[in-house]
Protein backbone atom coordinates (compact mmCIF):
# COMPACT_ATOMS: atom_id res chain seq x y z
CA MET A 1 51.43 12.18 9.72
CA MET A 2 47.66 12.31 9.47
CA GLU A 3 45.85 9.37 7.95
CA PRO A 4 43.92 10.19 4.78
CA VAL A 5 40.23 10.77 5.26
CA MET A 6 38.28 8.04 3.53
CA PRO A 7 35.22 9.15 1.61
CA GLN A 8 31.89 8.17 3.11
CA GLN A 9 30.54 5.04 1.48
CA LEU A 10 27.20 5.69 -0.17
CA PRO A 11 24.66 2.88 0.03
CA LEU A 12 23.31 1.59 -3.26
CA ALA A 13 19.68 2.45 -3.99
CA LEU A 14 18.53 -1.17 -3.89
CA GLU A 15 14.84 -1.93 -4.23
CA MET A 16 13.35 -3.21 -1.01
CA ARG A 17 10.85 -6.04 -1.33
CA PRO A 18 8.47 -5.94 1.64
CA ALA A 19 6.74 -9.06 2.85
CA LEU A 20 3.25 -9.10 1.38
CA ALA A 21 1.70 -12.25 2.82
CA ARG A 22 -1.60 -12.06 4.69
CA ALA A 23 0.19 -13.03 7.92
CA ASP A 24 2.46 -9.98 7.55
CA PHE A 25 -0.45 -7.54 7.70
CA MET A 26 -1.21 -6.00 11.10
CA VAL A 27 -4.92 -5.80 11.85
CA THR A 28 -6.26 -3.00 14.06
CA ASN A 29 -9.41 -0.90 14.18
CA CYS A 30 -8.23 1.33 11.34
CA ASN A 31 -8.17 -1.51 8.79
CA ARG A 32 -10.24 -4.30 10.33
CA GLU A 33 -13.22 -3.95 7.99
CA ALA A 34 -11.05 -3.94 4.87
CA VAL A 35 -9.20 -7.06 6.02
CA ALA A 36 -12.50 -8.76 6.77
CA TRP A 37 -13.73 -8.23 3.21
CA ILE A 38 -10.47 -9.54 1.75
CA ASP A 39 -10.76 -12.62 3.95
CA ARG A 40 -14.42 -13.06 3.01
CA TRP A 41 -13.74 -13.35 -0.72
CA PRO A 42 -15.20 -14.90 -2.87
CA ALA A 43 -18.41 -14.43 -0.88
CA TRP A 44 -18.74 -10.76 -1.82
CA PRO A 45 -22.35 -9.64 -2.35
CA VAL A 46 -21.34 -7.45 -5.32
CA PRO A 47 -18.62 -7.73 -7.99
CA ALA A 48 -16.45 -4.80 -6.86
CA LEU A 49 -14.62 -3.67 -3.73
CA CYS A 50 -12.83 -0.34 -3.36
CA LEU A 51 -10.22 0.16 -0.65
CA TYR A 52 -9.36 3.79 -0.05
CA GLY A 53 -7.03 5.60 2.30
CA PRO A 54 -3.82 7.65 2.46
CA ALA A 55 -0.64 6.69 0.65
CA GLY A 56 1.17 3.77 2.24
CA SER A 57 -1.85 2.71 4.26
CA GLY A 58 -1.66 -0.93 3.21
CA LYS A 59 -4.07 -0.84 0.26
CA SER A 60 -1.55 -2.36 -2.12
CA HIS A 61 -0.57 -4.95 0.49
CA LEU A 62 -4.16 -6.14 0.84
CA ALA A 63 -4.65 -5.96 -2.93
CA GLU A 64 -1.63 -8.20 -3.41
CA VAL A 65 -2.96 -10.65 -0.82
CA TRP A 66 -6.25 -10.80 -2.71
CA ARG A 67 -4.55 -11.00 -6.12
CA ALA A 68 -2.46 -13.97 -4.98
CA ARG A 69 -5.52 -15.77 -3.56
CA SER A 70 -7.81 -15.07 -6.50
CA GLY A 71 -5.34 -15.41 -9.37
CA ALA A 72 -6.29 -11.91 -10.51
CA SER A 73 -4.14 -9.70 -12.69
CA SER A 74 -3.16 -6.17 -11.64
CA VAL A 75 -2.85 -2.84 -13.44
CA ALA A 76 -2.53 0.81 -12.56
CA GLY A 77 -5.47 3.03 -13.33
CA ALA A 78 -3.33 4.97 -15.80
CA ASP A 79 -2.69 1.75 -17.76
CA LEU A 80 -6.37 1.61 -18.72
CA ILE A 81 -6.14 4.76 -20.83
CA GLY A 82 -6.64 3.71 -24.45
CA ALA A 83 -6.35 0.01 -23.59
CA ASP A 84 -8.34 -2.83 -25.14
CA ALA A 85 -10.44 -4.33 -22.34
CA ASP A 86 -10.58 -7.78 -23.95
CA ILE A 87 -6.80 -7.99 -24.33
CA LEU A 88 -6.17 -6.50 -20.91
CA LEU A 89 -8.40 -8.95 -19.05
CA GLY A 90 -7.84 -12.03 -21.22
CA ASP A 91 -9.46 -15.04 -19.57
CA ASP A 92 -9.04 -13.74 -16.02
CA THR A 93 -11.92 -13.61 -13.57
CA GLY A 94 -10.27 -11.11 -11.25
CA LEU A 95 -8.60 -7.74 -11.65
CA VAL A 96 -6.90 -5.20 -9.37
CA ILE A 97 -6.88 -1.56 -10.50
CA GLU A 98 -4.43 0.46 -8.38
CA ASP A 99 -4.70 4.24 -7.90
CA ALA A 100 -8.04 4.26 -9.70
CA ASP A 101 -8.82 7.81 -8.60
CA LEU A 102 -5.65 9.29 -10.10
CA ALA A 103 -6.18 8.33 -13.74
CA LEU A 104 -8.87 6.15 -15.26
CA ASP A 105 -10.30 5.45 -18.70
CA GLU A 106 -13.97 5.34 -17.77
CA THR A 107 -15.12 3.46 -20.86
CA VAL A 108 -12.46 0.76 -20.48
CA CYS A 109 -13.18 0.44 -16.76
CA PHE A 110 -16.91 0.08 -17.47
CA HIS A 111 -16.26 -2.70 -19.99
CA LEU A 112 -13.93 -4.49 -17.56
CA TYR A 113 -16.55 -4.33 -14.82
CA ASN A 114 -19.21 -5.81 -17.10
CA MET A 115 -16.89 -8.56 -18.35
CA LEU A 116 -16.00 -9.58 -14.81
CA LYS A 117 -19.63 -9.53 -13.75
CA GLU A 118 -20.57 -11.81 -16.66
CA ARG A 119 -17.82 -14.24 -15.59
CA ASN A 120 -18.92 -14.12 -11.93
CA GLY A 121 -15.55 -12.54 -11.26
CA HIS A 122 -14.48 -9.63 -9.08
CA LEU A 123 -12.84 -6.23 -9.31
CA LEU A 124 -10.70 -4.69 -6.56
CA LEU A 125 -9.87 -0.99 -6.79
CA THR A 126 -7.50 1.03 -4.62
CA ALA A 127 -7.64 4.80 -4.26
CA GLN A 128 -6.99 7.67 -1.89
CA GLN A 129 -10.58 8.91 -2.12
CA PRO A 130 -13.88 6.98 -2.12
CA PRO A 131 -15.58 6.53 -5.52
CA SER A 132 -18.25 9.09 -4.57
CA ARG A 133 -15.52 11.76 -4.78
CA TRP A 134 -14.08 10.66 -8.12
CA ASN A 135 -14.85 12.87 -11.08
CA VAL A 136 -16.64 10.12 -13.02
CA ARG A 137 -18.63 11.45 -15.96
CA LEU A 138 -19.86 8.16 -17.43
CA ALA A 139 -23.21 7.63 -15.75
CA ASP A 140 -23.19 3.84 -16.15
CA LEU A 141 -19.79 3.54 -14.51
CA ARG A 142 -20.80 5.95 -11.76
CA SER A 143 -23.78 3.68 -11.07
CA ARG A 144 -21.58 0.56 -10.91
CA LEU A 145 -19.12 2.23 -8.56
CA GLY A 146 -21.97 3.50 -6.43
CA ALA A 147 -23.03 -0.11 -5.83
CA ALA A 148 -19.52 -1.32 -4.96
CA LEU A 149 -18.32 -2.25 -1.49
CA VAL A 150 -16.29 0.67 -0.12
CA CYS A 151 -13.89 0.38 2.82
CA GLU A 152 -11.73 3.11 4.30
CA ILE A 153 -8.31 2.42 5.76
CA SER A 154 -7.78 5.29 8.18
CA PRO A 155 -4.51 6.72 9.57
CA PRO A 156 -2.78 4.34 11.98
CA ASP A 157 -3.48 4.11 15.69
CA ASP A 158 -0.66 3.51 18.19
CA ASP A 159 -0.90 -0.27 17.98
CA LEU A 160 -0.58 -0.21 14.22
CA LEU A 161 2.23 2.35 14.33
CA VAL A 162 4.26 0.02 16.53
CA GLY A 163 3.48 -3.05 14.44
CA LEU A 164 4.18 -1.30 11.16
CA LEU A 165 7.46 0.14 12.41
CA ILE A 166 8.65 -3.31 13.43
CA LYS A 167 7.58 -4.71 10.05
CA LEU A 168 9.25 -1.94 8.06
CA PHE A 169 12.48 -2.49 9.95
CA ALA A 170 12.16 -6.27 9.55
CA ASP A 171 11.75 -5.85 5.77
CA ARG A 172 15.25 -4.35 5.89
CA GLN A 173 16.62 -7.08 8.18
CA ILE A 174 16.73 -4.72 11.17
CA ALA A 175 15.47 -5.66 14.64
CA PRO A 176 14.92 -2.35 16.47
CA ALA A 177 15.34 -2.20 20.23
CA PRO A 178 12.11 -1.44 22.13
CA GLN A 179 13.40 1.99 23.18
CA ILE A 180 13.83 2.94 19.52
CA VAL A 181 10.21 2.15 18.72
CA ALA A 182 9.08 3.94 21.90
CA TYR A 183 11.09 7.01 20.87
CA ILE A 184 9.72 7.15 17.32
CA VAL A 185 5.99 6.61 17.88
CA PRO A 186 5.10 9.83 19.75
CA ARG A 187 7.34 11.96 17.52
CA ILE A 188 6.44 10.78 14.02
CA GLU A 189 3.74 12.14 11.74
CA ARG A 190 0.81 9.74 11.99
CA SER A 191 0.92 8.52 8.41
CA PHE A 192 2.12 5.36 6.77
CA ALA A 193 4.18 7.29 4.25
CA ALA A 194 6.07 9.13 7.00
CA LEU A 195 6.94 5.84 8.73
CA ALA A 196 8.25 4.32 5.53
CA GLN A 197 10.34 7.40 4.73
CA LEU A 198 11.83 7.48 8.21
CA VAL A 199 12.79 3.81 8.26
CA ALA A 200 14.37 4.18 4.81
CA ALA A 201 16.37 7.22 6.00
CA ILE A 202 17.55 5.38 9.12
CA ASP A 203 18.63 2.39 7.04
CA ARG A 204 20.51 4.61 4.58
CA ARG A 205 22.34 6.39 7.39
CA ALA A 206 23.30 3.12 9.09
CA LEU A 207 24.60 1.69 5.81
CA ALA A 208 26.48 4.84 4.85
CA GLU A 209 28.17 5.13 8.25
CA LYS A 210 28.51 1.37 8.76
CA ARG A 211 26.77 1.68 12.12
CA ALA A 212 24.17 -0.34 13.92
CA VAL A 213 20.69 1.15 14.23
CA THR A 214 20.90 2.70 17.70
CA LEU A 215 18.82 5.28 19.51
CA PRO A 216 21.41 8.07 18.97
CA LEU A 217 21.43 7.34 15.24
CA VAL A 218 17.62 7.37 15.09
CA ARG A 219 17.46 10.58 17.11
CA SER A 220 19.94 12.23 14.77
CA VAL A 221 18.00 11.23 11.65
CA MET A 222 14.73 12.47 13.10
CA GLU A 223 16.20 15.79 14.25
CA GLU A 224 17.64 16.43 10.81
CA SER A 225 14.27 15.78 9.20
CA LEU A 226 12.52 18.48 11.26
């Protein structure tokens, strides 16, 4: 008599909370300048810094490091639309605006910049494009952004790919064998988003099949994604 086939257990879609401390951030040539400016705060020569780069490049990680150090509040660019700048900023002397190039109320952003400048505070913006490529129509805001510090975080080099892979696995309590990392690096799209998606897919497969993260499992996940 054949044993009944048990249905495959589906892993719950639990939110992963990556480590966001400064010590958790890998520094290489592609992000060294941005990290240096975060570490240099509050000795910025101007009130605003913009970090730009592809999705998943570490912009939000560095912004969170700075927010924790400075006591700043944080909002998405879309949250500025129709907002009251005085209520939004309150008594803060620091503000992070994430994804500022995707949606931005220019008038509110201009008022926030001026308020922070008057308080000797600072503004940190994150974006995928530099401010010079934003479609900013308000001349005064365009002038303020033109004077801001601007740092690019470029696609990862091999050293950062290895470090980020290990960190992404560690955030999920997985310690990958060296041969797994060596297999992934030359075969993965060189983007932070692709790394994060792959590690998430590997973790889901391991949980669903109740298997350890082995090279055959990783190879199977990567082949299916092609």
